[in-house]
Amino acid sequence: MTNDSRRTLSRRTALLSLSGIVGGLAGCSTAGEENDGGGGGETETQTATPTSTPTRTETATPSGENEVPSEVTEWLSDVGNYDGTVADRTGQNEVSVTTGAEGNDGNFAFEPAAVRIETGSTVTWEWTGKGGSHNVVADSGADFESDLVSEEGFTFEQTFESSGVITYYCTPHRGVGMKGAIIVK
């Protein structure tokens, strides 16, 4: 065997060994991902091996009054100031929500983004005068719409007599995530 043949064989052997090591390492890594496609309580786990297939497993969801409905989580998934929690204002007859609060890369948020109230409670949205003109428009669960206003101190109120989930938004800033939710119990 010539020296050139030995070098070629050594390179080939080294490359094959290296590809086996890399392939073995790739088979050891895993990635988990929540599936929020409306399945409610399902988790999808994927393992990064060439022969694996995604599997679905049911996970138990605690049932309780402080549970965040999946429609709220989905509705607020692109809202910059929503951290997955709901402000509990049960027991209060009047609840305030700031309109034009800091969030979504400017003053394009409702604060709190999600609030829990009891039937018969009145929510008052209060404008900060920041972020341009805002309004409050029901997306689901109710029928209301405020005027489009930019002045600080403007208020709009709505009393909620029926239980359910109400999602709402600001028309000019919906695309940047200016949305909110009210859970009425």
N, C-alpha and C. Protein backbone atom coordinates (compact mmCIF):
# COMPACT_ATOMS: atom_id res chain seq x y z
N MET A 1 0.84 -1.16 0.00
CA MET A 1 0.00 0.00 0.00
C MET A 1 0.89 1.23 0.00
N THR A 2 0.51 2.25 -0.80
CA THR A 2 1.31 3.47 -0.87
C THR A 2 0.93 4.39 0.28
N ASN A 3 1.78 5.40 0.52
CA ASN A 3 1.49 6.38 1.58
C ASN A 3 0.21 7.15 1.30
N ASP A 4 -0.05 7.49 0.00
CA ASP A 4 -1.29 8.21 -0.36
C ASP A 4 -2.51 7.36 -0.06
N SER A 5 -2.43 6.05 -0.34
CA SER A 5 -3.55 5.16 -0.06
C SER A 5 -3.80 5.07 1.43
N ARG A 6 -2.74 5.02 2.23
CA ARG A 6 -2.89 4.95 3.69
C ARG A 6 -3.53 6.23 4.23
N ARG A 7 -3.11 7.42 3.72
CA ARG A 7 -3.68 8.68 4.17
C ARG A 7 -5.17 8.77 3.84
N THR A 8 -5.54 8.32 2.63
CA THR A 8 -6.93 8.34 2.22
C THR A 8 -7.74 7.41 3.11
N LEU A 9 -7.21 6.23 3.37
CA LEU A 9 -7.89 5.27 4.23
C LEU A 9 -8.02 5.83 5.65
N SER A 10 -6.99 6.49 6.17
CA SER A 10 -7.04 7.06 7.51
C SER A 10 -8.07 8.18 7.59
N ARG A 11 -8.13 9.06 6.59
CA ARG A 11 -9.14 10.13 6.57
C ARG A 11 -10.55 9.55 6.54
N ARG A 12 -10.73 8.54 5.68
CA ARG A 12 -12.04 7.90 5.55
C ARG A 12 -12.44 7.26 6.89
N THR A 13 -11.53 6.57 7.54
CA THR A 13 -11.81 5.93 8.82
C THR A 13 -12.15 6.99 9.87
N ALA A 14 -11.39 8.09 9.89
CA ALA A 14 -11.64 9.16 10.85
C ALA A 14 -13.01 9.79 10.62
N LEU A 15 -13.37 10.03 9.36
CA LEU A 15 -14.67 10.63 9.05
C LEU A 15 -15.81 9.70 9.45
N LEU A 16 -15.66 8.41 9.15
CA LEU A 16 -16.70 7.46 9.53
C LEU A 16 -16.85 7.38 11.05
N SER A 17 -15.74 7.41 11.77
CA SER A 17 -15.79 7.37 13.23
C SER A 17 -16.46 8.63 13.77
N LEU A 18 -16.10 9.79 13.21
CA LEU A 18 -16.67 11.05 13.64
C LEU A 18 -18.17 11.10 13.38
N SER A 19 -18.60 10.62 12.21
CA SER A 19 -20.04 10.64 11.91
C SER A 19 -20.80 9.70 12.84
N GLY A 20 -20.19 8.61 13.27
CA GLY A 20 -20.83 7.72 14.23
C GLY A 20 -21.00 8.38 15.58
N ILE A 21 -19.98 9.15 16.00
CA ILE A 21 -20.05 9.85 17.29
C ILE A 21 -21.14 10.91 17.24
N VAL A 22 -21.15 11.72 16.17
CA VAL A 22 -22.15 12.78 16.03
C VAL A 22 -23.55 12.17 15.98
N GLY A 23 -23.72 11.10 15.24
CA GLY A 23 -25.02 10.43 15.16
C GLY A 23 -25.46 9.91 16.51
N GLY A 24 -24.54 9.38 17.28
CA GLY A 24 -24.86 8.89 18.61
C GLY A 24 -25.28 10.00 19.54
N LEU A 25 -24.60 11.16 19.45
CA LEU A 25 -24.97 12.30 20.28
C LEU A 25 -26.33 12.84 19.89
N ALA A 26 -26.62 12.89 18.60
CA ALA A 26 -27.92 13.40 18.14
C ALA A 26 -29.04 12.53 18.67
N GLY A 27 -28.82 11.25 18.78
CA GLY A 27 -29.84 10.34 19.29
C GLY A 27 -30.11 10.51 20.78
N CYS A 28 -29.21 11.20 21.50
CA CYS A 28 -29.38 11.38 22.93
C CYS A 28 -30.15 12.64 23.28
N SER A 29 -30.30 13.57 22.35
CA SER A 29 -30.96 14.83 22.68
C SER A 29 -32.45 14.70 22.51
N THR A 30 -33.20 15.47 23.34
CA THR A 30 -34.65 15.49 23.25
C THR A 30 -35.12 16.92 23.28
N ALA A 31 -36.31 17.15 22.77
CA ALA A 31 -36.93 18.47 22.82
C ALA A 31 -38.38 18.29 23.17
N GLY A 32 -38.87 19.03 24.15
CA GLY A 32 -40.29 18.97 24.52
C GLY A 32 -40.97 20.23 24.07
N GLU A 33 -42.23 20.13 23.70
CA GLU A 33 -42.94 21.29 23.23
C GLU A 33 -44.40 21.17 23.62
N GLU A 34 -44.96 22.25 24.19
CA GLU A 34 -46.37 22.26 24.52
C GLU A 34 -47.17 22.41 23.24
N ASN A 35 -48.25 21.72 23.15
CA ASN A 35 -49.15 21.84 22.01
C ASN A 35 -50.34 22.67 22.45
N ASP A 36 -50.45 23.90 21.90
CA ASP A 36 -51.58 24.74 22.28
C ASP A 36 -52.60 24.80 21.17
N GLY A 37 -52.72 23.74 20.42
CA GLY A 37 -53.64 23.71 19.30
C GLY A 37 -55.07 23.45 19.71
N GLY A 38 -55.44 23.81 20.90
CA GLY A 38 -56.82 23.66 21.32
C GLY A 38 -57.14 22.31 21.91
N GLY A 39 -56.13 21.43 22.09
CA GLY A 39 -56.39 20.11 22.61
C GLY A 39 -56.68 20.11 24.09
N GLY A 40 -56.33 21.17 24.80
CA GLY A 40 -56.64 21.30 26.21
C GLY A 40 -56.12 20.17 27.05
N GLY A 41 -54.97 20.35 27.67
CA GLY A 41 -54.44 19.34 28.55
C GLY A 41 -53.56 18.32 27.87
N GLU A 42 -53.27 18.48 26.60
CA GLU A 42 -52.39 17.55 25.91
C GLU A 42 -50.99 18.14 25.82
N THR A 43 -50.00 17.27 25.95
CA THR A 43 -48.62 17.68 25.80
C THR A 43 -48.01 16.84 24.70
N GLU A 44 -47.30 17.47 23.79
CA GLU A 44 -46.63 16.73 22.74
C GLU A 44 -45.14 16.73 23.04
N THR A 45 -44.55 15.57 23.06
CA THR A 45 -43.12 15.44 23.31
C THR A 45 -42.49 14.82 22.09
N GLN A 46 -41.40 15.42 21.62
CA GLN A 46 -40.68 14.90 20.47
C GLN A 46 -39.27 14.54 20.88
N THR A 47 -38.79 13.41 20.44
CA THR A 47 -37.43 12.99 20.69
C THR A 47 -36.66 13.08 19.39
N ALA A 48 -35.50 13.72 19.41
CA ALA A 48 -34.75 13.98 18.19
C ALA A 48 -33.87 12.80 17.82
N THR A 49 -34.49 11.68 17.47
CA THR A 49 -33.75 10.55 16.93
C THR A 49 -34.33 10.24 15.57
N PRO A 50 -33.52 9.70 14.67
CA PRO A 50 -34.00 9.48 13.32
C PRO A 50 -35.22 8.56 13.24
N THR A 51 -35.40 7.66 14.21
CA THR A 51 -36.50 6.70 14.09
C THR A 51 -37.67 7.02 15.00
N SER A 52 -37.64 8.12 15.74
CA SER A 52 -38.72 8.39 16.67
C SER A 52 -39.87 9.11 15.99
N THR A 53 -41.04 8.97 16.60
CA THR A 53 -42.22 9.69 16.14
C THR A 53 -42.80 10.42 17.32
N PRO A 54 -43.43 11.60 17.09
CA PRO A 54 -44.02 12.34 18.22
C PRO A 54 -45.11 11.50 18.88
N THR A 55 -45.19 11.62 20.20
CA THR A 55 -46.24 10.93 20.94
C THR A 55 -47.04 11.94 21.72
N ARG A 56 -48.32 11.68 21.94
CA ARG A 56 -49.19 12.55 22.71
C ARG A 56 -49.55 11.83 24.00
N THR A 57 -49.49 12.56 25.10
CA THR A 57 -49.92 12.00 26.36
C THR A 57 -50.87 12.99 27.02
N GLU A 58 -51.87 12.48 27.69
CA GLU A 58 -52.81 13.33 28.41
C GLU A 58 -52.16 13.72 29.74
N THR A 59 -52.36 14.98 30.11
CA THR A 59 -51.89 15.42 31.42
C THR A 59 -53.10 15.90 32.20
N ALA A 60 -53.08 15.67 33.48
CA ALA A 60 -54.20 16.08 34.31
C ALA A 60 -54.19 17.58 34.50
N THR A 61 -55.34 18.20 34.36
CA THR A 61 -55.49 19.62 34.59
C THR A 61 -56.31 19.79 35.85
N PRO A 62 -55.77 20.50 36.83
CA PRO A 62 -56.54 20.66 38.06
C PRO A 62 -57.81 21.46 37.79
N SER A 63 -58.89 21.03 38.38
CA SER A 63 -60.12 21.80 38.21
C SER A 63 -60.29 22.65 39.45
N GLY A 64 -60.42 23.93 39.23
CA GLY A 64 -60.57 24.85 40.34
C GLY A 64 -60.95 26.21 39.82
N GLU A 65 -61.31 27.06 40.73
CA GLU A 65 -61.76 28.39 40.35
C GLU A 65 -60.63 29.26 39.82
N ASN A 66 -59.39 28.98 40.18
CA ASN A 66 -58.28 29.81 39.74
C ASN A 66 -57.64 29.33 38.44
N GLU A 67 -58.22 28.32 37.84
CA GLU A 67 -57.72 27.78 36.58
C GLU A 67 -57.88 28.82 35.47
N VAL A 68 -56.89 28.93 34.60
CA VAL A 68 -56.97 29.85 33.48
C VAL A 68 -57.53 29.08 32.28
N PRO A 69 -58.70 29.47 31.79
CA PRO A 69 -59.29 28.76 30.65
C PRO A 69 -58.36 28.80 29.44
N SER A 70 -58.34 27.71 28.67
CA SER A 70 -57.45 27.63 27.51
C SER A 70 -57.75 28.73 26.49
N GLU A 71 -59.01 29.15 26.37
CA GLU A 71 -59.31 30.20 25.41
C GLU A 71 -58.64 31.53 25.80
N VAL A 72 -58.45 31.76 27.11
CA VAL A 72 -57.75 32.97 27.56
C VAL A 72 -56.27 32.85 27.22
N THR A 73 -55.68 31.71 27.53
CA THR A 73 -54.26 31.50 27.24
C THR A 73 -53.99 31.64 25.74
N GLU A 74 -54.85 31.06 24.92
CA GLU A 74 -54.67 31.15 23.47
C GLU A 74 -54.86 32.58 22.98
N TRP A 75 -55.88 33.27 23.46
CA TRP A 75 -56.18 34.63 23.04
C TRP A 75 -55.02 35.57 23.39
N LEU A 76 -54.42 35.37 24.55
CA LEU A 76 -53.37 36.27 25.02
C LEU A 76 -51.96 35.76 24.72
N SER A 77 -51.83 34.75 23.88
CA SER A 77 -50.52 34.15 23.61
C SER A 77 -49.53 35.12 22.99
N ASP A 78 -49.99 36.16 22.31
CA ASP A 78 -49.08 37.12 21.68
C ASP A 78 -49.10 38.48 22.39
N VAL A 79 -49.57 38.50 23.63
CA VAL A 79 -49.66 39.74 24.40
C VAL A 79 -48.42 39.88 25.27
N GLY A 80 -47.66 40.93 25.05
CA GLY A 80 -46.36 41.12 25.71
C GLY A 80 -46.42 41.24 27.22
N ASN A 81 -47.50 41.79 27.77
CA ASN A 81 -47.56 41.95 29.23
C ASN A 81 -48.38 40.87 29.92
N TYR A 82 -48.72 39.79 29.21
CA TYR A 82 -49.44 38.67 29.83
C TYR A 82 -48.43 37.61 30.25
N ASP A 83 -48.41 37.30 31.55
CA ASP A 83 -47.43 36.34 32.08
C ASP A 83 -48.07 35.01 32.46
N GLY A 84 -49.30 34.77 32.01
CA GLY A 84 -49.96 33.51 32.30
C GLY A 84 -50.84 33.54 33.54
N THR A 85 -50.88 34.67 34.22
CA THR A 85 -51.71 34.78 35.41
C THR A 85 -52.92 35.67 35.16
N VAL A 86 -53.91 35.51 36.02
CA VAL A 86 -55.13 36.30 35.94
C VAL A 86 -55.26 37.09 37.24
N ALA A 87 -55.49 38.40 37.13
CA ALA A 87 -55.68 39.23 38.31
C ALA A 87 -57.04 38.88 38.92
N ASP A 88 -57.05 38.45 40.16
CA ASP A 88 -58.28 38.04 40.82
C ASP A 88 -58.92 39.26 41.47
N ARG A 89 -60.05 39.69 40.90
CA ARG A 89 -60.79 40.83 41.45
C ARG A 89 -62.19 40.40 41.89
N THR A 90 -62.33 39.09 42.16
CA THR A 90 -63.62 38.62 42.67
C THR A 90 -63.87 39.28 44.02
N GLY A 91 -65.13 39.55 44.30
CA GLY A 91 -65.47 40.23 45.54
C GLY A 91 -65.48 41.74 45.41
N GLN A 92 -65.07 42.27 44.27
CA GLN A 92 -65.09 43.71 44.03
C GLN A 92 -66.22 44.03 43.04
N ASN A 93 -67.01 45.03 43.37
CA ASN A 93 -68.10 45.43 42.48
C ASN A 93 -67.61 46.26 41.31
N GLU A 94 -66.51 46.97 41.50
CA GLU A 94 -65.94 47.82 40.45
C GLU A 94 -64.47 47.48 40.28
N VAL A 95 -64.09 47.28 39.02
CA VAL A 95 -62.73 46.86 38.68
C VAL A 95 -62.21 47.81 37.60
N SER A 96 -60.95 48.23 37.74
CA SER A 96 -60.33 49.13 36.75
C SER A 96 -59.32 48.39 35.89
N VAL A 97 -59.30 48.72 34.61
CA VAL A 97 -58.30 48.22 33.67
C VAL A 97 -57.70 49.43 32.97
N THR A 98 -56.39 49.53 32.99
CA THR A 98 -55.70 50.64 32.34
C THR A 98 -55.63 50.40 30.84
N THR A 99 -55.97 51.41 30.07
CA THR A 99 -55.92 51.35 28.61
C THR A 99 -54.80 52.27 28.14
N GLY A 100 -53.83 51.69 27.41
CA GLY A 100 -52.64 52.44 27.01
C GLY A 100 -51.52 52.24 28.01
N ALA A 101 -51.54 51.09 28.70
CA ALA A 101 -50.48 50.75 29.64
C ALA A 101 -49.24 50.33 28.87
N GLU A 102 -48.11 50.28 29.56
CA GLU A 102 -46.87 49.87 28.92
C GLU A 102 -46.92 48.38 28.59
N GLY A 103 -46.58 48.06 27.37
CA GLY A 103 -46.55 46.67 26.93
C GLY A 103 -46.55 46.59 25.42
N ASN A 104 -46.13 45.48 24.89
CA ASN A 104 -46.11 45.25 23.45
C ASN A 104 -45.27 46.30 22.71
N ASP A 105 -44.10 46.61 23.29
CA ASP A 105 -43.14 47.56 22.72
C ASP A 105 -43.68 48.97 22.61
N GLY A 106 -44.37 49.41 23.62
CA GLY A 106 -44.90 50.78 23.67
C GLY A 106 -46.01 50.84 24.70
N ASN A 107 -46.91 51.79 24.53
CA ASN A 107 -48.07 51.89 25.41
C ASN A 107 -49.28 51.30 24.69
N PHE A 108 -49.16 50.00 24.40
CA PHE A 108 -50.16 49.27 23.63
C PHE A 108 -50.64 48.05 24.39
N ALA A 109 -51.10 48.27 25.63
CA ALA A 109 -51.53 47.14 26.45
C ALA A 109 -52.69 47.54 27.36
N PHE A 110 -53.43 46.53 27.77
CA PHE A 110 -54.42 46.66 28.84
C PHE A 110 -53.76 46.08 30.09
N GLU A 111 -53.96 46.74 31.23
CA GLU A 111 -53.34 46.26 32.47
C GLU A 111 -54.37 46.22 33.57
N PRO A 112 -54.68 45.06 34.11
CA PRO A 112 -54.12 43.76 33.79
C PRO A 112 -54.67 43.22 32.47
N ALA A 113 -53.88 42.35 31.84
CA ALA A 113 -54.30 41.76 30.57
C ALA A 113 -55.46 40.80 30.77
N ALA A 114 -55.48 40.11 31.90
CA ALA A 114 -56.56 39.17 32.21
C ALA A 114 -57.03 39.41 33.63
N VAL A 115 -58.33 39.43 33.81
CA VAL A 115 -58.90 39.69 35.13
C VAL A 115 -60.08 38.75 35.37
N ARG A 116 -60.22 38.31 36.62
CA ARG A 116 -61.34 37.46 37.02
C ARG A 116 -62.27 38.28 37.91
N ILE A 117 -63.57 38.28 37.57
CA ILE A 117 -64.56 39.03 38.34
C ILE A 117 -65.77 38.13 38.60
N GLU A 118 -66.72 38.66 39.37
CA GLU A 118 -67.97 37.96 39.62
C GLU A 118 -69.08 38.61 38.81
N THR A 119 -70.15 37.86 38.56
CA THR A 119 -71.29 38.43 37.85
C THR A 119 -71.80 39.65 38.61
N GLY A 120 -72.23 40.64 37.85
CA GLY A 120 -72.72 41.88 38.44
C GLY A 120 -71.65 42.93 38.62
N SER A 121 -70.37 42.57 38.43
CA SER A 121 -69.27 43.53 38.57
C SER A 121 -69.18 44.42 37.33
N THR A 122 -68.71 45.63 37.55
CA THR A 122 -68.51 46.59 36.47
C THR A 122 -67.02 46.78 36.25
N VAL A 123 -66.60 46.65 35.00
CA VAL A 123 -65.20 46.92 34.63
C VAL A 123 -65.16 48.30 33.99
N THR A 124 -64.23 49.13 34.47
CA THR A 124 -64.03 50.46 33.91
C THR A 124 -62.64 50.52 33.31
N TRP A 125 -62.58 50.77 32.01
CA TRP A 125 -61.30 50.96 31.32
C TRP A 125 -60.95 52.44 31.41
N GLU A 126 -59.73 52.74 31.83
CA GLU A 126 -59.28 54.12 32.03
C GLU A 126 -58.10 54.41 31.12
N TRP A 127 -58.23 55.42 30.28
CA TRP A 127 -57.20 55.77 29.30
C TRP A 127 -56.07 56.56 29.95
N THR A 128 -54.83 56.21 29.55
CA THR A 128 -53.64 56.91 30.05
C THR A 128 -53.28 58.12 29.19
N GLY A 129 -53.79 58.16 27.97
CA GLY A 129 -53.41 59.22 27.04
C GLY A 129 -52.11 58.90 26.31
N LYS A 130 -51.59 57.70 26.50
CA LYS A 130 -50.33 57.30 25.87
C LYS A 130 -50.58 56.24 24.81
N GLY A 131 -49.76 56.24 23.77
CA GLY A 131 -49.85 55.21 22.74
C GLY A 131 -50.82 55.51 21.61
N GLY A 132 -51.32 56.74 21.55
CA GLY A 132 -52.26 57.10 20.49
C GLY A 132 -53.69 56.80 20.88
N SER A 133 -54.53 56.67 19.87
CA SER A 133 -55.95 56.41 20.10
C SER A 133 -56.19 54.93 20.35
N HIS A 134 -57.03 54.66 21.36
CA HIS A 134 -57.37 53.29 21.72
C HIS A 134 -58.89 53.16 21.82
N ASN A 135 -59.35 51.92 21.71
CA ASN A 135 -60.73 51.61 22.02
C ASN A 135 -60.79 50.23 22.65
N VAL A 136 -61.97 49.83 23.08
CA VAL A 136 -62.19 48.53 23.68
C VAL A 136 -63.34 47.90 22.91
N VAL A 137 -63.07 46.76 22.27
CA VAL A 137 -64.06 46.10 21.43
C VAL A 137 -64.15 44.64 21.85
N ALA A 138 -65.38 44.18 22.16
CA ALA A 138 -65.59 42.78 22.51
C ALA A 138 -65.32 41.90 21.30
N ASP A 139 -64.55 40.84 21.51
CA ASP A 139 -64.30 39.86 20.45
C ASP A 139 -65.24 38.68 20.61
N SER A 140 -65.46 38.26 21.84
CA SER A 140 -66.37 37.13 22.09
C SER A 140 -66.96 37.23 23.48
N GLY A 141 -68.11 36.61 23.65
CA GLY A 141 -68.73 36.51 24.96
C GLY A 141 -69.56 37.70 25.39
N ALA A 142 -69.54 38.79 24.65
CA ALA A 142 -70.31 39.99 24.99
C ALA A 142 -70.40 40.87 23.74
N ASP A 143 -71.17 41.93 23.86
CA ASP A 143 -71.32 42.86 22.75
C ASP A 143 -71.14 44.28 23.28
N PHE A 144 -69.95 44.82 23.12
CA PHE A 144 -69.70 46.20 23.51
C PHE A 144 -68.55 46.76 22.68
N GLU A 145 -68.53 48.09 22.57
CA GLU A 145 -67.46 48.78 21.85
C GLU A 145 -67.43 50.23 22.32
N SER A 146 -66.24 50.67 22.72
CA SER A 146 -66.08 52.06 23.13
C SER A 146 -65.71 52.92 21.92
N ASP A 147 -65.69 54.22 22.14
CA ASP A 147 -65.21 55.14 21.12
C ASP A 147 -63.69 55.01 21.02
N LEU A 148 -63.15 55.43 19.90
CA LEU A 148 -61.70 55.48 19.68
C LEU A 148 -61.21 56.82 20.23
N VAL A 149 -60.41 56.79 21.30
CA VAL A 149 -60.06 57.99 22.05
C VAL A 149 -58.57 57.98 22.39
N SER A 150 -57.96 59.16 22.42
CA SER A 150 -56.55 59.27 22.81
C SER A 150 -56.35 60.10 24.08
N GLU A 151 -57.39 60.74 24.60
CA GLU A 151 -57.25 61.63 25.75
C GLU A 151 -57.13 60.88 27.07
N GLU A 152 -56.20 61.36 27.89
CA GLU A 152 -56.04 60.83 29.23
C GLU A 152 -57.29 61.12 30.05
N GLY A 153 -57.69 60.14 30.87
CA GLY A 153 -58.83 60.33 31.75
C GLY A 153 -60.15 59.84 31.19
N PHE A 154 -60.21 59.54 29.90
CA PHE A 154 -61.44 59.00 29.33
C PHE A 154 -61.70 57.64 29.95
N THR A 155 -62.97 57.32 30.20
CA THR A 155 -63.32 56.01 30.75
C THR A 155 -64.46 55.39 29.95
N PHE A 156 -64.50 54.09 29.98
CA PHE A 156 -65.57 53.30 29.38
C PHE A 156 -65.87 52.18 30.34
N GLU A 157 -67.15 51.93 30.61
CA GLU A 157 -67.47 50.87 31.56
C GLU A 157 -68.51 49.91 31.00
N GLN A 158 -68.43 48.69 31.53
CA GLN A 158 -69.33 47.62 31.12
C GLN A 158 -69.60 46.75 32.34
N THR A 159 -70.88 46.46 32.58
CA THR A 159 -71.26 45.57 33.67
C THR A 159 -71.52 44.19 33.08
N PHE A 160 -71.03 43.17 33.75
CA PHE A 160 -71.11 41.79 33.26
C PHE A 160 -72.08 41.00 34.13
N GLU A 161 -73.23 40.64 33.56
CA GLU A 161 -74.30 39.96 34.28
C GLU A 161 -74.28 38.45 34.11
N SER A 162 -73.54 37.94 33.12
CA SER A 162 -73.51 36.50 32.85
C SER A 162 -72.10 35.97 33.00
N SER A 163 -71.99 34.74 33.48
CA SER A 163 -70.67 34.14 33.61
C SER A 163 -70.15 33.71 32.24
N GLY A 164 -68.86 33.61 32.14
CA GLY A 164 -68.22 33.20 30.89
C GLY A 164 -66.89 33.91 30.70
N VAL A 165 -66.33 33.75 29.52
CA VAL A 165 -65.06 34.38 29.17
C VAL A 165 -65.32 35.42 28.09
N ILE A 166 -64.86 36.63 28.34
CA ILE A 166 -64.99 37.71 27.37
C ILE A 166 -63.59 38.10 26.92
N THR A 167 -63.36 38.03 25.63
CA THR A 167 -62.09 38.49 25.08
C THR A 167 -62.36 39.80 24.35
N TYR A 168 -61.37 40.69 24.38
CA TYR A 168 -61.55 42.00 23.76
C TYR A 168 -60.21 42.51 23.25
N TYR A 169 -60.25 43.61 22.49
CA TYR A 169 -59.04 44.15 21.88
C TYR A 169 -59.20 45.64 21.61
N CYS A 170 -58.10 46.27 21.23
CA CYS A 170 -58.07 47.65 20.73
C CYS A 170 -57.92 47.55 19.22
N THR A 171 -58.86 48.11 18.48
CA THR A 171 -58.86 47.95 17.02
C THR A 171 -57.54 48.36 16.35
N PRO A 172 -57.01 49.58 16.59
CA PRO A 172 -55.79 49.95 15.87
C PRO A 172 -54.53 49.20 16.33
N HIS A 173 -54.56 48.59 17.51
CA HIS A 173 -53.34 47.95 18.03
C HIS A 173 -53.49 46.45 18.29
N ARG A 174 -54.54 45.87 17.77
CA ARG A 174 -54.74 44.43 17.96
C ARG A 174 -53.57 43.63 17.39
N GLY A 175 -53.06 44.05 16.26
CA GLY A 175 -51.97 43.34 15.59
C GLY A 175 -50.67 43.31 16.38
N VAL A 176 -50.48 44.27 17.29
CA VAL A 176 -49.25 44.26 18.11
C VAL A 176 -49.50 43.61 19.46
N GLY A 177 -50.72 43.12 19.70
CA GLY A 177 -51.00 42.38 20.92
C GLY A 177 -51.78 43.12 21.96
N MET A 178 -52.46 44.21 21.61
CA MET A 178 -53.26 44.94 22.60
C MET A 178 -54.61 44.26 22.72
N LYS A 179 -54.61 43.22 23.58
CA LYS A 179 -55.80 42.41 23.80
C LYS A 179 -55.94 42.13 25.30
N GLY A 180 -57.16 41.78 25.68
CA GLY A 180 -57.42 41.47 27.08
C GLY A 180 -58.48 40.41 27.21
N ALA A 181 -58.67 39.94 28.44
CA ALA A 181 -59.68 38.92 28.72
C ALA A 181 -60.27 39.15 30.11
N ILE A 182 -61.56 38.84 30.20
CA ILE A 182 -62.27 38.90 31.47
C ILE A 182 -62.93 37.56 31.71
N ILE A 183 -62.68 36.99 32.86
CA ILE A 183 -63.32 35.74 33.24
C ILE A 183 -64.38 36.11 34.28
N VAL A 184 -65.63 35.87 33.94
CA VAL A 184 -66.74 36.20 34.84
C VAL A 184 -67.25 34.91 35.45
N LYS A 185 -67.25 34.84 36.79
CA LYS A 185 -67.73 33.63 37.47
C LYS A 185 -68.94 33.93 38.31
